[in-house]
């Protein structure tokens, strides 16, 4: 009996090249793939508000960005020695209130600029579970270690997630009608929710995304979750925590993504970028040797050649 071992992937035009501009929004897996775009020096923006795990948080970010809203001191709170915002990840938090406000509002301005010029926007959903701050009846992006008793945990229904996704698409297209929007589900399992609860969550996300994508043929879905579950169904593809995909798994997914979304010309340039990156990472035993100085001279020549064609590349 013949079994299909690889998920069939069918790309849509336009494919991604070095004239493209990619925006990655969503869970930590968006950052994993976004790091590949950064490594190969594509024009990109990765999670200006930090990791956003669920559709409500992403919708809030897009609303604030597209509507040119601004955060004020009233949107911040102080906890454990830092100022936080419930709409953003703790990576933006700061002991200085003004610095946090500046980070938030600068991220909104820069996010709007990049969404307006993007050729591709990828949204990765991580979970359907959300936490609602009881006092304000507010679904938060991050709890920032506020005591759990202050929140009510909820599983977003499929219909509500579908509406969030639809709203996200509408907001993006208000700024950029021609952008290619790609959805995916993070293969990172949220085991703190529980095994059964994680499966329920992922099934809600997958169903909700397909509800929207099937009605709008201009949207795309990339099966990150399915690739890990069905093609890489072995624990050697996970980190020691047995939750997060390993570097090997992330590289495999990047290769599968590249098969259908990265243009042939871009792949040739990626090889040249990788040569430079490896050269920059090289640590010599004898830095002052003639051999190493020649190596550095050739490396500078390679950088100059590629930057003449792509001035935006910074190594």
Protein backbone atom coordinates (compact mmCIF):
# COMPACT_ATOMS: atom_id res chain seq x y z
CA UNK A 1 0.00 0.00 0.00
CA UNK A 2 1.41 3.38 -1.01
CA UNK A 3 1.19 6.06 1.65
CA UNK A 4 1.61 9.76 0.95
CA UNK A 5 4.52 10.89 3.10
CA UNK A 6 4.59 14.55 2.13
CA UNK A 7 1.79 17.09 2.17
CA UNK A 8 1.08 18.49 -1.26
CA UNK A 9 1.86 22.22 -1.48
CA UNK A 10 0.53 24.37 -4.30
CA UNK A 11 1.92 27.92 -4.49
CA UNK A 12 0.14 31.03 -5.67
CA UNK A 13 1.68 33.97 -7.47
CA UNK A 14 3.39 36.23 -6.69
CA UNK A 15 6.30 34.32 -5.20
CA UNK A 16 8.69 35.95 -2.78
CA UNK A 17 11.90 37.46 -4.13
CA UNK A 18 14.34 40.15 -3.01
CA UNK A 19 12.02 42.90 -4.21
CA UNK A 20 9.36 41.56 -1.84
CA UNK A 21 8.69 42.85 1.64
CA UNK A 22 7.44 40.33 4.22
CA UNK A 23 5.61 41.08 7.48
CA UNK A 24 5.32 38.25 10.03
CA UNK A 25 2.68 38.50 12.78
CA UNK A 26 1.63 36.04 15.45
CA UNK A 27 3.00 33.31 17.69
CA UNK A 28 6.61 32.42 18.43
CA UNK A 29 6.66 30.19 15.36
CA UNK A 30 6.19 33.33 13.24
CA UNK A 31 9.44 34.53 14.77
CA UNK A 32 11.19 31.22 14.00
CA UNK A 33 10.42 31.53 10.29
CA UNK A 34 10.88 35.30 10.40
CA UNK A 35 14.44 34.73 11.60
CA UNK A 36 15.12 32.87 8.35
CA UNK A 37 13.95 35.87 6.34
CA UNK A 38 16.24 38.03 8.44
CA UNK A 39 19.19 35.65 8.07
CA UNK A 40 18.86 35.67 4.28
CA UNK A 41 18.42 39.47 4.33
CA UNK A 42 14.96 39.76 2.85
CA UNK A 43 13.12 42.99 3.62
CA UNK A 44 11.00 42.03 6.62
CA UNK A 45 9.23 43.02 9.82
CA UNK A 46 8.70 40.48 12.61
CA UNK A 47 6.11 41.05 15.37
CA UNK A 48 6.48 44.76 16.21
CA UNK A 49 4.37 44.16 19.34
CA UNK A 50 6.29 41.02 20.25
CA UNK A 51 4.80 37.53 20.17
CA UNK A 52 0.99 37.58 19.86
CA UNK A 53 -0.51 34.17 20.43
CA UNK A 54 -4.16 34.53 19.45
CA UNK A 55 -6.40 36.16 16.85
CA UNK A 56 -7.88 38.78 19.20
CA UNK A 57 -4.44 40.17 20.03
CA UNK A 58 -3.44 40.35 16.36
CA UNK A 59 -6.73 42.04 15.47
CA UNK A 60 -6.18 44.64 18.23
CA UNK A 61 -2.68 45.41 16.96
CA UNK A 62 -3.94 45.82 13.39
CA UNK A 63 -6.84 48.01 14.52
CA UNK A 64 -4.53 50.33 16.47
CA UNK A 65 -2.10 50.45 13.53
CA UNK A 66 -4.56 50.98 10.70
CA UNK A 67 -6.69 53.51 12.59
CA UNK A 68 -3.56 55.45 13.61
CA UNK A 69 -4.48 55.21 17.27
CA UNK A 70 -2.02 55.99 20.06
CA UNK A 71 -1.43 54.55 23.50
CA UNK A 72 -1.53 56.82 26.54
CA UNK A 73 -0.56 56.40 30.19
CA UNK A 74 -4.11 55.18 30.86
CA UNK A 75 -3.33 52.05 28.80
CA UNK A 76 -0.37 51.07 30.98
CA UNK A 77 -0.06 49.44 34.39
CA UNK A 78 2.79 48.77 36.82
CA UNK A 79 3.59 45.26 38.06
CA UNK A 80 6.75 43.54 39.37
CA UNK A 81 8.94 46.59 38.85
CA UNK A 82 7.94 47.27 35.23
CA UNK A 83 5.32 49.08 33.19
CA UNK A 84 3.26 46.88 30.90
CA UNK A 85 0.51 47.05 28.28
CA UNK A 86 -2.04 44.25 28.04
CA UNK A 87 -2.01 44.53 24.22
CA UNK A 88 1.70 43.77 23.83
CA UNK A 89 4.24 41.11 24.76
CA UNK A 90 6.41 41.56 27.85
CA UNK A 91 9.46 42.07 25.60
CA UNK A 92 8.26 45.67 25.19
CA UNK A 93 7.77 46.24 28.94
CA UNK A 94 10.11 48.66 30.73
CA UNK A 95 10.76 50.13 34.19
CA UNK A 96 10.34 53.55 32.55
CA UNK A 97 6.76 54.43 31.61
CA UNK A 98 7.77 56.91 28.89
CA UNK A 99 10.05 54.37 27.22
CA UNK A 100 7.24 51.83 27.03
CA UNK A 101 4.84 54.40 25.57
CA UNK A 102 7.46 55.36 23.01
CA UNK A 103 8.05 51.71 22.05
CA UNK A 104 4.34 51.02 21.65
CA UNK A 105 3.55 54.09 19.56
CA UNK A 106 6.70 53.81 17.44
CA UNK A 107 5.79 50.18 16.74
CA UNK A 108 2.33 51.27 15.58
CA UNK A 109 3.76 53.91 13.22
CA UNK A 110 6.44 51.61 11.84
CA UNK A 111 3.97 48.72 11.58
CA UNK A 112 1.59 50.85 9.52
CA UNK A 113 4.41 51.88 7.20
CA UNK A 114 5.55 48.28 6.62
CA UNK A 115 2.02 46.90 6.20
CA UNK A 116 1.34 49.59 3.59
CA UNK A 117 4.38 48.57 1.51
CA UNK A 118 4.39 44.81 2.19
CA UNK A 119 4.06 42.32 -0.65
CA UNK A 120 3.30 39.43 1.72
CA UNK A 121 1.88 39.27 5.24
CA UNK A 122 1.97 36.01 7.19
CA UNK A 123 -0.25 35.52 10.25
CA UNK A 124 0.49 32.57 12.54
CA UNK A 125 -2.12 31.63 15.15
CA UNK A 126 -0.89 29.76 18.23
CA UNK A 127 -3.92 29.15 20.42
CA UNK A 128 -7.68 29.59 20.69
CA UNK A 129 -7.43 29.94 24.48
CA UNK A 130 -7.53 33.50 25.77
CA UNK A 131 -7.49 35.24 29.15
CA UNK A 132 -10.09 37.89 29.92
CA UNK A 133 -9.23 40.50 32.54
CA UNK A 134 -12.30 40.35 34.74
CA UNK A 135 -12.10 43.93 36.06
CA UNK A 136 -12.12 45.48 32.57
CA UNK A 137 -13.87 42.70 30.62
CA UNK A 138 -10.85 42.77 28.31
CA UNK A 139 -9.19 39.91 26.39
CA UNK A 140 -5.45 40.43 26.85
CA UNK A 141 -2.51 39.56 24.61
CA UNK A 142 -0.29 38.81 27.62
CA UNK A 143 -1.00 38.46 31.34
CA UNK A 144 2.39 39.90 32.40
CA UNK A 145 2.43 37.68 35.53
CA UNK A 146 -0.63 39.38 37.01
CA UNK A 147 -2.24 36.86 39.44
CA UNK A 148 -4.36 34.27 37.62
CA UNK A 149 -7.39 35.00 39.81
CA UNK A 150 -7.72 38.33 37.95
CA UNK A 151 -8.54 36.51 34.69
CA UNK A 152 -11.17 34.19 33.26
CA UNK A 153 -9.82 31.61 30.83
CA UNK A 154 -11.93 31.10 27.69
CA UNK A 155 -11.82 29.01 24.52
CA UNK A 156 -12.74 31.19 21.58
CA UNK A 157 -15.44 29.55 19.44
CA UNK A 158 -14.70 28.86 15.79
CA UNK A 159 -17.15 31.53 14.63
CA UNK A 160 -15.46 34.23 16.71
CA UNK A 161 -11.98 33.29 15.48
CA UNK A 162 -13.26 33.33 11.88
CA UNK A 163 -14.65 36.81 12.44
CA UNK A 164 -11.32 37.97 13.92
CA UNK A 165 -9.48 36.62 10.88
CA UNK A 166 -11.95 38.32 8.54
CA UNK A 167 -11.47 41.59 10.45
CA UNK A 168 -7.68 41.26 10.19
CA UNK A 169 -7.90 40.79 6.43
CA UNK A 170 -10.22 43.79 6.10
CA UNK A 171 -7.92 46.01 8.18
CA UNK A 172 -4.83 45.01 6.22
CA UNK A 173 -6.54 45.58 2.88
CA UNK A 174 -7.66 49.03 3.96
CA UNK A 175 -3.98 49.94 3.84
CA UNK A 176 -2.74 47.56 1.17
CA UNK A 177 -5.38 46.11 -1.19
CA UNK A 178 -2.93 44.01 -3.25
CA UNK A 179 -0.90 42.35 -0.48
CA UNK A 180 -0.76 38.55 -0.41
CA UNK A 181 -1.99 37.28 2.98
CA UNK A 182 -0.91 33.88 4.22
CA UNK A 183 -2.22 32.08 7.32
CA UNK A 184 -0.70 29.22 9.26
CA UNK A 185 -1.12 27.47 12.62
CA UNK A 186 1.84 27.16 14.95
CA UNK A 187 3.01 23.57 15.57
CA UNK A 188 4.08 24.60 19.11
CA UNK A 189 1.83 22.74 21.52
CA UNK A 190 0.46 24.76 24.45
CA UNK A 191 0.76 21.94 26.96
CA UNK A 192 0.07 24.19 29.96
CA UNK A 193 -3.51 24.14 28.73
CA UNK A 194 -3.49 20.33 28.74
CA UNK A 195 -3.26 17.69 26.00
CA UNK A 196 -6.98 17.57 25.21
CA UNK A 197 -7.33 21.34 25.51
CA UNK A 198 -4.40 21.92 23.13
CA UNK A 199 -6.00 19.65 20.53
CA UNK A 200 -9.33 21.45 20.86
CA UNK A 201 -7.54 24.77 20.48
CA UNK A 202 -5.64 23.80 17.32
CA UNK A 203 -8.77 22.31 15.76
CA UNK A 204 -10.66 25.57 16.36
CA UNK A 205 -7.86 27.55 14.71
CA UNK A 206 -7.58 25.27 11.67
CA UNK A 207 -11.35 25.21 11.12
CA UNK A 208 -11.67 28.98 11.53
CA UNK A 209 -8.86 29.74 9.09
CA UNK A 210 -10.28 27.40 6.47
CA UNK A 211 -13.74 28.94 6.92
CA UNK A 212 -12.25 32.25 5.78
CA UNK A 213 -9.71 31.00 3.22
CA UNK A 214 -12.25 28.86 1.38
CA UNK A 215 -14.53 31.88 0.94
CA UNK A 216 -11.73 34.17 -0.22
CA UNK A 217 -9.52 32.57 -2.86
CA UNK A 218 -7.01 35.43 -2.66
CA UNK A 219 -5.92 34.14 0.76
CA UNK A 220 -3.52 31.26 1.37
CA UNK A 221 -2.85 28.64 4.01
CA UNK A 222 0.54 27.08 4.70
CA UNK A 223 0.34 23.82 6.72
CA UNK A 224 3.11 24.33 9.31
CA UNK A 225 1.13 22.46 11.96
CA UNK A 226 0.30 19.56 9.65
CA UNK A 227 3.90 19.23 8.43
CA UNK A 228 5.15 18.76 12.00
CA UNK A 229 2.28 16.47 13.02
CA UNK A 230 2.26 14.30 9.87
CA UNK A 231 5.65 14.56 8.14
CA UNK A 232 7.84 14.97 11.25
CA UNK A 233 5.96 12.68 13.62
CA UNK A 234 9.00 11.82 15.72
CA UNK A 235 10.21 13.34 18.99
CA UNK A 236 13.70 13.91 17.60
CA UNK A 237 12.17 16.91 15.85
CA UNK A 238 11.39 18.55 19.19
CA UNK A 239 13.52 20.41 21.72
CA UNK A 240 14.20 18.91 25.14
CA UNK A 241 10.90 20.33 26.44
CA UNK A 242 9.11 18.08 23.91
CA UNK A 243 6.90 21.06 23.02
CA UNK A 244 8.84 23.40 20.73
CA UNK A 245 10.07 22.19 17.33
CA UNK A 246 13.83 21.74 17.16
CA UNK A 247 16.13 23.70 14.87
CA UNK A 248 16.06 20.69 12.54
CA UNK A 249 12.26 20.84 12.35
CA UNK A 250 12.22 24.60 11.82
CA UNK A 251 14.79 24.27 9.04
CA UNK A 252 12.70 21.52 7.42
CA UNK A 253 9.57 23.69 7.49
CA UNK A 254 11.56 26.61 6.06
CA UNK A 255 12.73 24.36 3.22
CA UNK A 256 9.15 23.24 2.55
CA UNK A 257 8.02 26.86 2.61
CA UNK A 258 10.84 27.84 0.27
CA UNK A 259 9.83 25.14 -2.21
CA UNK A 260 6.62 26.93 -3.06
CA UNK A 261 6.97 30.54 -1.94
CA UNK A 262 10.58 31.59 -2.69
CA UNK A 263 11.42 32.35 -6.32
CA UNK A 264 14.28 30.60 -8.13
CA UNK A 265 16.24 33.85 -8.54
CA UNK A 266 15.90 34.56 -4.83
CA UNK A 267 17.22 31.10 -3.97
CA UNK A 268 20.39 31.83 -5.95
CA UNK A 269 20.86 35.06 -4.01
CA UNK A 270 20.16 33.24 -0.74
CA UNK A 271 23.16 30.98 -1.41
CA UNK A 272 25.40 34.04 -1.77
CA UNK A 273 23.97 35.59 1.41
CA UNK A 274 24.54 32.33 3.29
CA UNK A 275 28.21 32.31 2.18
CA UNK A 276 28.65 35.79 3.62
CA UNK A 277 26.83 34.93 6.84
CA UNK A 278 28.99 31.86 7.36
CA UNK A 279 32.09 33.93 6.66
CA UNK A 280 31.04 36.54 9.22
CA UNK A 281 30.42 33.79 11.79
CA UNK A 282 33.89 32.28 11.24
CA UNK A 283 36.26 32.66 14.19
CA UNK A 284 39.92 32.26 13.14
CA UNK A 285 42.71 30.72 15.23
CA UNK A 286 45.18 33.29 13.86
CA UNK A 287 43.38 36.62 13.14
CA UNK A 288 46.56 38.35 11.98
CA UNK A 289 47.63 35.69 9.50
CA UNK A 290 47.95 36.50 5.80
CA UNK A 291 45.49 33.73 5.00
CA UNK A 292 42.81 35.22 7.25
CA UNK A 293 43.40 38.76 6.01
CA UNK A 294 42.93 37.50 2.43
CA UNK A 295 39.76 35.75 3.56
CA UNK A 296 38.41 39.02 5.03
CA UNK A 297 39.25 40.90 1.83
CA UNK A 298 37.33 38.38 -0.29
CA UNK A 299 34.41 38.52 2.19
CA UNK A 300 34.25 42.31 1.89
CA UNK A 301 34.26 41.96 -1.89
CA UNK A 302 31.30 39.55 -1.75
CA UNK A 303 29.40 41.93 0.54
CA UNK A 304 30.09 44.87 -1.76
CA UNK A 305 28.91 42.97 -4.85
CA UNK A 306 25.62 41.88 -3.31
CA UNK A 307 24.97 45.28 -1.68
CA UNK A 308 25.44 47.01 -5.04
CA UNK A 309 22.42 45.06 -6.27
CA UNK A 310 20.49 45.10 -2.97
CA UNK A 311 21.48 48.25 -1.03
CA UNK A 312 19.01 47.45 1.78
CA UNK A 313 21.08 44.47 2.92
CA UNK A 314 23.02 45.20 6.12
CA UNK A 315 25.40 42.56 7.47
